[in-house]
């Protein structure tokens, strides 16, 4: 699997439509072309543009949770348990989203 275009990505409100999400070189990453309306178009474009930062945040969260599990609980990863009342559900959701983004 190849890496995604690095961020930052930004929303470009081009006229006439479609809305675009451009990468750092100014080349389009995504075109928003077939949605219910301008407000939804902009919301979708903002979500797409935030993707690189959200993926980085999820990776940092999983790394921090795994480091804590190793140091505090003697586990290899945080996955698979509850430590001091901290549920694994947000961790599992983060790992699943990372896997989806990475095509796994």
PDB file of N, CA and C in Angstrom:
ATOM      1  N   UNK A   1       0.833  -1.181   0.000  1.00  0.00           N
ATOM      2  CA  UNK A   1       0.000   0.000   0.000  1.00  0.00           C
ATOM      3  C   UNK A   1       0.880   1.247   0.000  1.00  0.00           C
ATOM      4  N   UNK A   2       0.510   2.237  -0.794  1.00  0.00           N
ATOM      5  CA  UNK A   2       1.267   3.477  -0.812  1.00  0.00           C
ATOM      6  C   UNK A   2       0.697   4.442   0.227  1.00  0.00           C
ATOM      7  N   UNK A   3       1.512   5.406   0.592  1.00  0.00           N
ATOM      8  CA  UNK A   3       1.070   6.418   1.546  1.00  0.00           C
ATOM      9  C   UNK A   3       0.140   7.413   0.867  1.00  0.00           C
ATOM     10  N   UNK A   4      -0.669   8.077   1.673  1.00  0.00           N
ATOM     11  CA  UNK A   4      -1.553   9.114   1.148  1.00  0.00           C
ATOM     12  C   UNK A   4      -0.742  10.395   0.899  1.00  0.00           C
ATOM     13  N   UNK A   5      -1.332  11.307   0.168  1.00  0.00           N
ATOM     14  CA  UNK A   5      -0.714  12.612  -0.027  1.00  0.00           C
ATOM     15  C   UNK A   5      -0.614  13.290   1.326  1.00  0.00           C
ATOM     16  N   UNK A   6       0.568  13.760   1.708  1.00  0.00           N
ATOM     17  CA  UNK A   6       0.695  14.394   3.018  1.00  0.00           C
ATOM     18  C   UNK A   6      -0.137  15.675   3.095  1.00  0.00           C
ATOM     19  N   UNK A   7      -0.511  16.031   4.312  1.00  0.00           N
ATOM     20  CA  UNK A   7      -1.257  17.259   4.530  1.00  0.00           C
ATOM     21  C   UNK A   7      -0.314  18.449   4.562  1.00  0.00           C
ATOM     22  N   UNK A   8      -0.822  19.604   4.770  1.00  0.00           N
ATOM     23  CA  UNK A   8      -2.243  19.859   4.991  1.00  0.00           C
ATOM     24  C   UNK A   8      -3.038  19.837   3.693  1.00  0.00           C
ATOM     25  N   UNK A   9      -4.306  19.490   3.842  1.00  0.00           N
ATOM     26  CA  UNK A   9      -5.246  19.565   2.740  1.00  0.00           C
ATOM     27  C   UNK A   9      -6.165  20.741   3.029  1.00  0.00           C
ATOM     28  N   UNK A  10      -6.637  21.395   1.997  1.00  0.00           N
ATOM     29  CA  UNK A  10      -7.535  22.535   2.231  1.00  0.00           C
ATOM     30  C   UNK A  10      -8.716  22.513   1.267  1.00  0.00           C
ATOM     31  N   UNK A  11      -9.817  23.079   1.742  1.00  0.00           N
ATOM     32  CA  UNK A  11     -11.034  23.189   0.938  1.00  0.00           C
ATOM     33  C   UNK A  11     -10.887  24.395   0.017  1.00  0.00           C
ATOM     34  N   UNK A  12     -11.171  24.184  -1.251  1.00  0.00           N
ATOM     35  CA  UNK A  12     -11.159  25.262  -2.243  1.00  0.00           C
ATOM     36  C   UNK A  12     -12.571  25.377  -2.789  1.00  0.00           C
ATOM     37  N   UNK A  13     -13.198  26.503  -2.527  1.00  0.00           N
ATOM     38  CA  UNK A  13     -14.575  26.732  -2.966  1.00  0.00           C
ATOM     39  C   UNK A  13     -14.534  27.311  -4.374  1.00  0.00           C
ATOM     40  N   UNK A  14     -14.368  26.430  -5.341  1.00  0.00           N
ATOM     41  CA  UNK A  14     -14.233  26.871  -6.733  1.00  0.00           C
ATOM     42  C   UNK A  14     -15.601  27.154  -7.341  1.00  0.00           C
ATOM     43  N   UNK A  15     -15.630  28.125  -8.179  1.00  0.00           N
ATOM     44  CA  UNK A  15     -16.870  28.467  -8.870  1.00  0.00           C
ATOM     45  C   UNK A  15     -16.640  28.317 -10.352  1.00  0.00           C
ATOM     46  N   UNK A  16     -17.461  27.759 -11.165  1.00  0.00           N
ATOM     47  CA  UNK A  16     -18.622  27.023 -10.690  1.00  0.00           C
ATOM     48  C   UNK A  16     -18.196  25.735  -9.991  1.00  0.00           C
ATOM     49  N   UNK A  17     -19.139  25.074  -9.398  1.00  0.00           N
ATOM     50  CA  UNK A  17     -18.885  23.822  -8.698  1.00  0.00           C
ATOM     51  C   UNK A  17     -18.016  22.917  -9.528  1.00  0.00           C
ATOM     52  N   UNK A  18     -17.342  21.956  -9.064  1.00  0.00           N
ATOM     53  CA  UNK A  18     -17.469  21.354  -7.737  1.00  0.00           C
ATOM     54  C   UNK A  18     -16.506  21.963  -6.722  1.00  0.00           C
ATOM     55  N   UNK A  19     -16.835  21.751  -5.465  1.00  0.00           N
ATOM     56  CA  UNK A  19     -15.911  22.062  -4.389  1.00  0.00           C
ATOM     57  C   UNK A  19     -14.725  21.114  -4.510  1.00  0.00           C
ATOM     58  N   UNK A  20     -13.543  21.575  -4.135  1.00  0.00           N
ATOM     59  CA  UNK A  20     -12.351  20.728  -4.202  1.00  0.00           C
ATOM     60  C   UNK A  20     -11.689  20.686  -2.843  1.00  0.00           C
ATOM     61  N   UNK A  21     -10.949  19.599  -2.629  1.00  0.00           N
ATOM     62  CA  UNK A  21     -10.011  19.506  -1.511  1.00  0.00           C
ATOM     63  C   UNK A  21      -8.651  19.329  -2.167  1.00  0.00           C
ATOM     64  N   UNK A  22      -7.753  20.295  -1.926  1.00  0.00           N
ATOM     65  CA  UNK A  22      -6.435  20.279  -2.543  1.00  0.00           C
ATOM     66  C   UNK A  22      -5.366  19.892  -1.537  1.00  0.00           C
ATOM     67  N   UNK A  23      -4.326  19.233  -2.050  1.00  0.00           N
ATOM     68  CA  UNK A  23      -3.156  18.912  -1.254  1.00  0.00           C
ATOM     69  C   UNK A  23      -2.209  20.097  -1.213  1.00  0.00           C
ATOM     70  N   UNK A  24      -1.054  19.923  -0.561  1.00  0.00           N
ATOM     71  CA  UNK A  24      -0.129  21.038  -0.377  1.00  0.00           C
ATOM     72  C   UNK A  24       0.426  21.603  -1.687  1.00  0.00           C
ATOM     73  N   UNK A  25       0.432  20.802  -2.743  1.00  0.00           N
ATOM     74  CA  UNK A  25       0.933  21.284  -4.026  1.00  0.00           C
ATOM     75  C   UNK A  25      -0.126  22.040  -4.814  1.00  0.00           C
ATOM     76  N   UNK A  26      -1.343  22.093  -4.281  1.00  0.00           N
ATOM     77  CA  UNK A  26      -2.444  22.737  -4.976  1.00  0.00           C
ATOM     78  C   UNK A  26      -3.176  21.822  -5.937  1.00  0.00           C
ATOM     79  N   UNK A  27      -2.748  20.564  -6.005  1.00  0.00           N
ATOM     80  CA  UNK A  27      -3.432  19.602  -6.878  1.00  0.00           C
ATOM     81  C   UNK A  27      -4.628  19.016  -6.139  1.00  0.00           C
ATOM     82  N   UNK A  28      -5.731  18.765  -6.850  1.00  0.00           N
ATOM     83  CA  UNK A  28      -6.923  18.232  -6.186  1.00  0.00           C
ATOM     84  C   UNK A  28      -6.705  16.840  -5.588  1.00  0.00           C
ATOM     85  N   UNK A  29      -7.205  16.665  -4.375  1.00  0.00           N
ATOM     86  CA  UNK A  29      -7.248  15.374  -3.693  1.00  0.00           C
ATOM     87  C   UNK A  29      -8.627  14.762  -3.898  1.00  0.00           C
ATOM     88  N   UNK A  30      -9.658  15.627  -3.831  1.00  0.00           N
ATOM     89  CA  UNK A  30     -11.043  15.151  -3.945  1.00  0.00           C
ATOM     90  C   UNK A  30     -11.905  16.249  -4.554  1.00  0.00           C
ATOM     91  N   UNK A  31     -12.927  15.809  -5.259  1.00  0.00           N
ATOM     92  CA  UNK A  31     -13.946  16.704  -5.782  1.00  0.00           C
ATOM     93  C   UNK A  31     -15.270  16.313  -5.157  1.00  0.00           C
ATOM     94  N   UNK A  32     -16.018  17.285  -4.683  1.00  0.00           N
ATOM     95  CA  UNK A  32     -17.326  17.037  -4.084  1.00  0.00           C
ATOM     96  C   UNK A  32     -18.345  17.387  -5.170  1.00  0.00           C
ATOM     97  N   UNK A  33     -18.955  16.353  -5.782  1.00  0.00           N
ATOM     98  CA  UNK A  33     -19.755  16.615  -6.972  1.00  0.00           C
ATOM     99  C   UNK A  33     -21.232  16.223  -6.888  1.00  0.00           C
ATOM    100  N   UNK A  34     -21.596  15.267  -6.072  1.00  0.00           N
ATOM    101  CA  UNK A  34     -22.964  14.768  -6.137  1.00  0.00           C
ATOM    102  C   UNK A  34     -23.539  14.624  -4.735  1.00  0.00           C
ATOM    103  N   UNK A  35     -23.839  15.752  -4.104  1.00  0.00           N
ATOM    104  CA  UNK A  35     -24.376  15.737  -2.751  1.00  0.00           C
ATOM    105  C   UNK A  35     -25.628  16.592  -2.680  1.00  0.00           C
ATOM    106  N   UNK A  36     -26.352  16.517  -1.549  1.00  0.00           N
ATOM    107  CA  UNK A  36     -27.654  17.166  -1.449  1.00  0.00           C
ATOM    108  C   UNK A  36     -27.663  18.689  -1.490  1.00  0.00           C
ATOM    109  N   UNK A  37     -26.551  19.360  -1.187  1.00  0.00           N
ATOM    110  CA  UNK A  37     -26.598  20.816  -1.189  1.00  0.00           C
ATOM    111  C   UNK A  37     -25.303  21.432  -0.711  1.00  0.00           C
ATOM    112  N   UNK A  38     -25.231  22.754  -0.797  1.00  0.00           N
ATOM    113  CA  UNK A  38     -24.003  23.481  -0.498  1.00  0.00           C
ATOM    114  C   UNK A  38     -23.523  23.256   0.930  1.00  0.00           C
ATOM    115  N   UNK A  39     -24.416  23.249   1.913  1.00  0.00           N
ATOM    116  CA  UNK A  39     -23.998  23.058   3.300  1.00  0.00           C
ATOM    117  C   UNK A  39     -23.389  21.674   3.510  1.00  0.00           C
ATOM    118  N   UNK A  40     -24.030  20.663   2.931  1.00  0.00           N
ATOM    119  CA  UNK A  40     -23.511  19.295   3.040  1.00  0.00           C
ATOM    120  C   UNK A  40     -22.201  19.174   2.270  1.00  0.00           C
ATOM    121  N   UNK A  41     -22.127  19.820   1.097  1.00  0.00           N
ATOM    122  CA  UNK A  41     -20.882  19.814   0.325  1.00  0.00           C
ATOM    123  C   UNK A  41     -19.727  20.352   1.157  1.00  0.00           C
ATOM    124  N   UNK A  42     -19.923  21.487   1.787  1.00  0.00           N
ATOM    125  CA  UNK A  42     -18.855  22.109   2.587  1.00  0.00           C
ATOM    126  C   UNK A  42     -18.497  21.239   3.796  1.00  0.00           C
ATOM    127  N   UNK A  43     -19.499  20.655   4.439  1.00  0.00           N
ATOM    128  CA  UNK A  43     -19.227  19.780   5.593  1.00  0.00           C
ATOM    129  C   UNK A  43     -18.417  18.564   5.155  1.00  0.00           C
ATOM    130  N   UNK A  44     -18.780  17.966   4.023  1.00  0.00           N
ATOM    131  CA  UNK A  44     -18.019  16.818   3.518  1.00  0.00           C
ATOM    132  C   UNK A  44     -16.602  17.227   3.159  1.00  0.00           C
ATOM    133  N   UNK A  45     -16.447  18.368   2.511  1.00  0.00           N
ATOM    134  CA  UNK A  45     -15.114  18.844   2.122  1.00  0.00           C
ATOM    135  C   UNK A  45     -14.248  19.110   3.350  1.00  0.00           C
ATOM    136  N   UNK A  46     -14.823  19.728   4.392  1.00  0.00           N
ATOM    137  CA  UNK A  46     -14.054  19.982   5.622  1.00  0.00           C
ATOM    138  C   UNK A  46     -13.608  18.677   6.267  1.00  0.00           C
ATOM    139  N   UNK A  47     -14.492  17.687   6.294  1.00  0.00           N
ATOM    140  CA  UNK A  47     -14.146  16.381   6.871  1.00  0.00           C
ATOM    141  C   UNK A  47     -13.011  15.726   6.089  1.00  0.00           C
ATOM    142  N   UNK A  48     -13.104  15.744   4.778  1.00  0.00           N
ATOM    143  CA  UNK A  48     -12.037  15.172   3.956  1.00  0.00           C
ATOM    144  C   UNK A  48     -10.727  15.918   4.182  1.00  0.00           C
ATOM    145  N   UNK A  49     -10.782  17.254   4.221  1.00  0.00           N
ATOM    146  CA  UNK A  49      -9.570  18.052   4.393  1.00  0.00           C
ATOM    147  C   UNK A  49      -8.901  17.793   5.742  1.00  0.00           C
ATOM    148  N   UNK A  50      -9.673  17.433   6.761  1.00  0.00           N
ATOM    149  CA  UNK A  50      -9.115  17.173   8.092  1.00  0.00           C
ATOM    150  C   UNK A  50      -8.516  15.782   8.240  1.00  0.00           C
ATOM    151  N   UNK A  51      -8.692  14.930   7.230  1.00  0.00           N
ATOM    152  CA  UNK A  51      -8.292  13.531   7.329  1.00  0.00           C
ATOM    153  C   UNK A  51      -6.830  13.310   7.721  1.00  0.00           C
ATOM    154  N   UNK A  52      -5.846  13.971   7.104  1.00  0.00           N
ATOM    155  CA  UNK A  52      -4.459  13.707   7.506  1.00  0.00           C
ATOM    156  C   UNK A  52      -4.202  14.000   8.988  1.00  0.00           C
ATOM    157  N   UNK A  53      -4.771  15.105   9.483  1.00  0.00           N
ATOM    158  CA  UNK A  53      -4.580  15.455  10.891  1.00  0.00           C
ATOM    159  C   UNK A  53      -5.294  14.471  11.819  1.00  0.00           C
ATOM    160  N   UNK A  54      -6.500  14.028  11.415  1.00  0.00           N
ATOM    161  CA  UNK A  54      -7.225  13.064  12.247  1.00  0.00           C
ATOM    162  C   UNK A  54      -6.484  11.731  12.299  1.00  0.00           C
ATOM    163  N   UNK A  55      -5.942  11.287  11.168  1.00  0.00           N
ATOM    164  CA  UNK A  55      -5.188  10.041  11.150  1.00  0.00           C
ATOM    165  C   UNK A  55      -3.955  10.152  12.041  1.00  0.00           C
ATOM    166  N   UNK A  56      -3.256  11.266  11.974  1.00  0.00           N
ATOM    167  CA  UNK A  56      -2.083  11.474  12.837  1.00  0.00           C
ATOM    168  C   UNK A  56      -2.486  11.471  14.313  1.00  0.00           C
ATOM    169  N   UNK A  57      -3.612  12.091  14.631  1.00  0.00           N
ATOM    170  CA  UNK A  57      -4.080  12.118  16.022  1.00  0.00           C
ATOM    171  C   UNK A  57      -4.441  10.721  16.509  1.00  0.00           C
ATOM    172  N   UNK A  58      -5.116   9.931  15.677  1.00  0.00           N
ATOM    173  CA  UNK A  58      -5.470   8.564  16.066  1.00  0.00           C
ATOM    174  C   UNK A  58      -4.219   7.719  16.288  1.00  0.00           C
ATOM    175  N   UNK A  59      -3.231   7.869  15.398  1.00  0.00           N
ATOM    176  CA  UNK A  59      -1.980   7.119  15.571  1.00  0.00           C
ATOM    177  C   UNK A  59      -1.288   7.515  16.874  1.00  0.00           C
ATOM    178  N   UNK A  60      -1.270   8.806  17.186  1.00  0.00           N
ATOM    179  CA  UNK A  60      -0.648   9.270  18.431  1.00  0.00           C
ATOM    180  C   UNK A  60      -1.395   8.726  19.645  1.00  0.00           C
ATOM    181  N   UNK A  61      -2.723   8.692  19.578  1.00  0.00           N
ATOM    182  CA  UNK A  61      -3.530   8.158  20.674  1.00  0.00           C
ATOM    183  C   UNK A  61      -3.215   6.687  20.912  1.00  0.00           C
ATOM    184  N   UNK A  62      -3.170   5.887  19.832  1.00  0.00           N
ATOM    185  CA  UNK A  62      -2.893   4.457  19.965  1.00  0.00           C
ATOM    186  C   UNK A  62      -1.487   4.242  20.507  1.00  0.00           C
ATOM    187  N   UNK A  63      -0.513   4.996  20.007  1.00  0.00           N
ATOM    188  CA  UNK A  63       0.857   4.879  20.524  1.00  0.00           C
ATOM    189  C   UNK A  63       0.916   5.208  22.003  1.00  0.00           C
ATOM    190  N   UNK A  64       0.245   6.281  22.420  1.00  0.00           N
ATOM    191  CA  UNK A  64       0.254   6.678  23.830  1.00  0.00           C
ATOM    192  C   UNK A  64      -0.433   5.626  24.700  1.00  0.00           C
ATOM    193  N   UNK A  65      -1.554   5.076  24.229  1.00  0.00           N
ATOM    194  CA  UNK A  65      -2.257   4.048  24.995  1.00  0.00           C
ATOM    195  C   UNK A  65      -1.403   2.790  25.115  1.00  0.00           C
ATOM    196  N   UNK A  66      -0.729   2.400  24.030  1.00  0.00           N
ATOM    197  CA  UNK A  66       0.141   1.222  24.077  1.00  0.00           C
ATOM    198  C   UNK A  66       1.320   1.455  25.017  1.00  0.00           C
ATOM    199  N   UNK A  67       1.913   2.655  24.974  1.00  0.00           N
ATOM    200  CA  UNK A  67       3.034   2.968  25.868  1.00  0.00           C
ATOM    201  C   UNK A  67       2.580   2.908  27.326  1.00  0.00           C
ATOM    202  N   UNK A  68       1.396   3.444  27.593  1.00  0.00           N
ATOM    203  CA  UNK A  68       0.871   3.399  28.958  1.00  0.00           C
ATOM    204  C   UNK A  68       0.653   1.950  29.391  1.00  0.00           C
ATOM    205  N   UNK A  69       0.088   1.134  28.507  1.00  0.00           N
ATOM    206  CA  UNK A  69      -0.181  -0.270  28.849  1.00  0.00           C
ATOM    207  C   UNK A  69       1.120  -1.003  29.158  1.00  0.00           C
ATOM    208  N   UNK A  70       2.162  -0.728  28.371  1.00  0.00           N
ATOM    209  CA  UNK A  70       3.457  -1.376  28.619  1.00  0.00           C
ATOM    210  C   UNK A  70       4.041  -0.943  29.959  1.00  0.00           C
ATOM    211  N   UNK A  71       3.990   0.356  30.228  1.00  0.00           N
ATOM    212  CA  UNK A  71       4.618   0.891  31.441  1.00  0.00           C
ATOM    213  C   UNK A  71       3.810   0.621  32.703  1.00  0.00           C
ATOM    214  N   UNK A  72       2.508   0.768  32.613  1.00  0.00           N
ATOM    215  CA  UNK A  72       1.674   0.701  33.814  1.00  0.00           C
ATOM    216  C   UNK A  72       1.049  -0.658  34.057  1.00  0.00           C
ATOM    217  N   UNK A  73       0.769  -1.401  33.004  1.00  0.00           N
ATOM    218  CA  UNK A  73       0.033  -2.651  33.168  1.00  0.00           C
ATOM    219  C   UNK A  73       0.828  -3.875  32.730  1.00  0.00           C
ATOM    220  N   UNK A  74       2.018  -3.663  32.202  1.00  0.00           N
ATOM    221  CA  UNK A  74       2.842  -4.785  31.771  1.00  0.00           C
ATOM    222  C   UNK A  74       2.292  -5.530  30.574  1.00  0.00           C
ATOM    223  N   UNK A  75       1.442  -4.885  29.812  1.00  0.00           N
ATOM    224  CA  UNK A  75       0.866  -5.508  28.616  1.00  0.00           C
ATOM    225  C   UNK A  75       1.611  -5.000  27.386  1.00  0.00           C
ATOM    226  N   UNK A  76       1.584  -5.785  26.323  1.00  0.00           N
ATOM    227  CA  UNK A  76       2.251  -5.362  25.091  1.00  0.00           C
ATOM    228  C   UNK A  76       1.515  -4.199  24.429  1.00  0.00           C
ATOM    229  N   UNK A  77       0.182  -4.281  24.416  1.00  0.00           N
ATOM    230  CA  UNK A  77      -0.637  -3.201  23.872  1.00  0.00           C
ATOM    231  C   UNK A  77      -1.818  -2.975  24.801  1.00  0.00           C
ATOM    232  N   UNK A  78      -2.503  -1.868  24.589  1.00  0.00           N
ATOM    233  CA  UNK A  78      -3.690  -1.562  25.363  1.00  0.00           C
ATOM    234  C   UNK A  78      -4.845  -2.456  24.958  1.00  0.00           C
ATOM    235  N   UNK A  79      -4.826  -2.941  23.713  1.00  0.00           N
ATOM    236  CA  UNK A  79      -5.924  -3.724  23.167  1.00  0.00           C
ATOM    237  C   UNK A  79      -6.161  -4.999  23.968  1.00  0.00           C
ATOM    238  N   UNK A  80      -7.416  -5.301  24.206  1.00  0.00           N
ATOM    239  CA  UNK A  80      -7.754  -6.565  24.830  1.00  0.00           C
ATOM    240  C   UNK A  80      -8.085  -6.488  26.301  1.00  0.00           C
ATOM    241  N   UNK A  81      -8.159  -5.296  26.850  1.00  0.00           N
ATOM    242  CA  UNK A  81      -8.453  -5.266  28.268  1.00  0.00           C
ATOM    243  C   UNK A  81      -8.892  -3.907  28.747  1.00  0.00           C
ATOM    244  N   UNK A  82      -9.196  -3.854  30.003  1.00  0.00           N
ATOM    245  CA  UNK A  82      -9.538  -2.620  30.672  1.00  0.00           C
ATOM    246  C   UNK A  82      -8.550  -2.447  31.808  1.00  0.00           C
ATOM    247  N   UNK A  83      -7.902  -1.307  31.829  1.00  0.00           N
ATOM    248  CA  UNK A  83      -6.890  -1.029  32.839  1.00  0.00           C
ATOM    249  C   UNK A  83      -7.366   0.128  33.697  1.00  0.00           C
ATOM    250  N   UNK A  84      -7.463  -0.108  34.992  1.00  0.00           N
ATOM    251  CA  UNK A  84      -7.892   0.921  35.940  1.00  0.00           C
ATOM    252  C   UNK A  84      -9.184   1.611  35.510  1.00  0.00           C
ATOM    253  N   UNK A  85     -10.104   0.836  34.975  1.00  0.00           N
ATOM    254  CA  UNK A  85     -11.397   1.383  34.602  1.00  0.00           C
ATOM    255  C   UNK A  85     -11.431   2.086  33.260  1.00  0.00           C
ATOM    256  N   UNK A  86     -10.305   2.112  32.511  1.00  0.00           N
ATOM    257  CA  UNK A  86     -10.294   2.761  31.203  1.00  0.00           C
ATOM    258  C   UNK A  86     -10.777   1.754  30.157  1.00  0.00           C
ATOM    259  N   UNK A  87     -11.915   2.002  29.544  1.00  0.00           N
ATOM    260  CA  UNK A  87     -12.441   1.026  28.590  1.00  0.00           C
ATOM    261  C   UNK A  87     -11.611   0.992  27.315  1.00  0.00           C
ATOM    262  N   UNK A  88     -11.586  -0.146  26.657  1.00  0.00           N
ATOM    263  CA  UNK A  88     -10.835  -0.282  25.420  1.00  0.00           C
ATOM    264  C   UNK A  88     -11.607   0.210  24.199  1.00  0.00           C
ATOM    265  N   UNK A  89     -12.880   0.515  24.337  1.00  0.00           N
ATOM    266  CA  UNK A  89     -13.692   0.842  23.171  1.00  0.00           C
ATOM    267  C   UNK A  89     -13.128   2.002  22.348  1.00  0.00           C
ATOM    268  N   UNK A  90     -12.764   3.166  22.927  1.00  0.00           N
ATOM    269  CA  UNK A  90     -12.194   4.232  22.089  1.00  0.00           C
ATOM    270  C   UNK A  90     -10.895   3.783  21.417  1.00  0.00           C
ATOM    271  N   UNK A  91     -10.108   2.997  22.107  1.00  0.00           N
ATOM    272  CA  UNK A  91      -8.866   2.472  21.548  1.00  0.00           C
ATOM    273  C   UNK A  91      -9.161   1.570  20.355  1.00  0.00           C
ATOM    274  N   UNK A  92     -10.121   0.681  20.508  1.00  0.00           N
ATOM    275  CA  UNK A  92     -10.478  -0.233  19.423  1.00  0.00           C
ATOM    276  C   UNK A  92     -11.034   0.546  18.228  1.00  0.00           C
ATOM    277  N   UNK A  93     -11.857   1.544  18.491  1.00  0.00           N
ATOM    278  CA  UNK A  93     -12.391   2.377  17.411  1.00  0.00           C
ATOM    279  C   UNK A  93     -11.260   3.087  16.667  1.00  0.00           C
ATOM    280  N   UNK A  94     -10.287   3.590  17.416  1.00  0.00           N
ATOM    281  CA  UNK A  94      -9.141   4.264  16.794  1.00  0.00           C
ATOM    282  C   UNK A  94      -8.335   3.292  15.950  1.00  0.00           C
ATOM    283  N   UNK A  95      -8.059   2.110  16.477  1.00  0.00           N
ATOM    284  CA  UNK A  95      -7.303   1.107  15.712  1.00  0.00           C
ATOM    285  C   UNK A  95      -8.054   0.677  14.452  1.00  0.00           C
ATOM    286  N   UNK A  96      -9.366   0.509  14.553  1.00  0.00           N
ATOM    287  CA  UNK A  96     -10.177   0.131  13.391  1.00  0.00           C
ATOM    288  C   UNK A  96     -10.161   1.227  12.330  1.00  0.00           C
ATOM    289  N   UNK A  97     -10.250   2.487  12.767  1.00  0.00           N
ATOM    290  CA  UNK A  97     -10.229   3.593  11.802  1.00  0.00           C
ATOM    291  C   UNK A  97      -8.872   3.705  11.118  1.00  0.00           C
ATOM    292  N   UNK A  98      -7.795   3.490  11.859  1.00  0.00           N
ATOM    293  CA  UNK A  98      -6.454   3.505  11.267  1.00  0.00           C
ATOM    294  C   UNK A  98      -6.337   2.384  10.240  1.00  0.00           C
ATOM    295  N   UNK A  99      -6.801   1.196  10.609  1.00  0.00           N
ATOM    296  CA  UNK A  99      -6.730   0.048   9.674  1.00  0.00           C
ATOM    297  C   UNK A  99      -7.528   0.353   8.408  1.00  0.00           C
ATOM    298  N   UNK A 100      -8.687   0.953   8.536  1.00  0.00           N
ATOM    299  CA  UNK A 100      -9.496   1.294   7.368  1.00  0.00           C
ATOM    300  C   UNK A 100      -8.755   2.299   6.482  1.00  0.00           C
ATOM    301  N   UNK A 101      -8.151   3.303   7.094  1.00  0.00           N
ATOM    302  CA  UNK A 101      -7.409   4.308   6.334  1.00  0.00           C
ATOM    303  C   UNK A 101      -6.198   3.714   5.635  1.00  0.00           C
ATOM    304  N   UNK A 102      -5.611   2.689   6.246  1.00  0.00           N
ATOM    305  CA  UNK A 102      -4.422   2.043   5.676  1.00  0.00           C
ATOM    306  C   UNK A 102      -4.768   0.887   4.735  1.00  0.00           C
ATOM    307  N   UNK A 103      -6.049   0.631   4.543  1.00  0.00           N
ATOM    308  CA  UNK A 103      -6.477  -0.427   3.640  1.00  0.00           C
ATOM    309  C   UNK A 103      -6.276  -1.827   4.189  1.00  0.00           C
ATOM    310  N   UNK A 104      -6.312  -1.956   5.512  1.00  0.00           N
ATOM    311  CA  UNK A 104      -6.151  -3.291   6.129  1.00  0.00           C
ATOM    312  C   UNK A 104      -7.501  -3.814   6.575  1.00  0.00           C
TER     313      UNK A 104
END
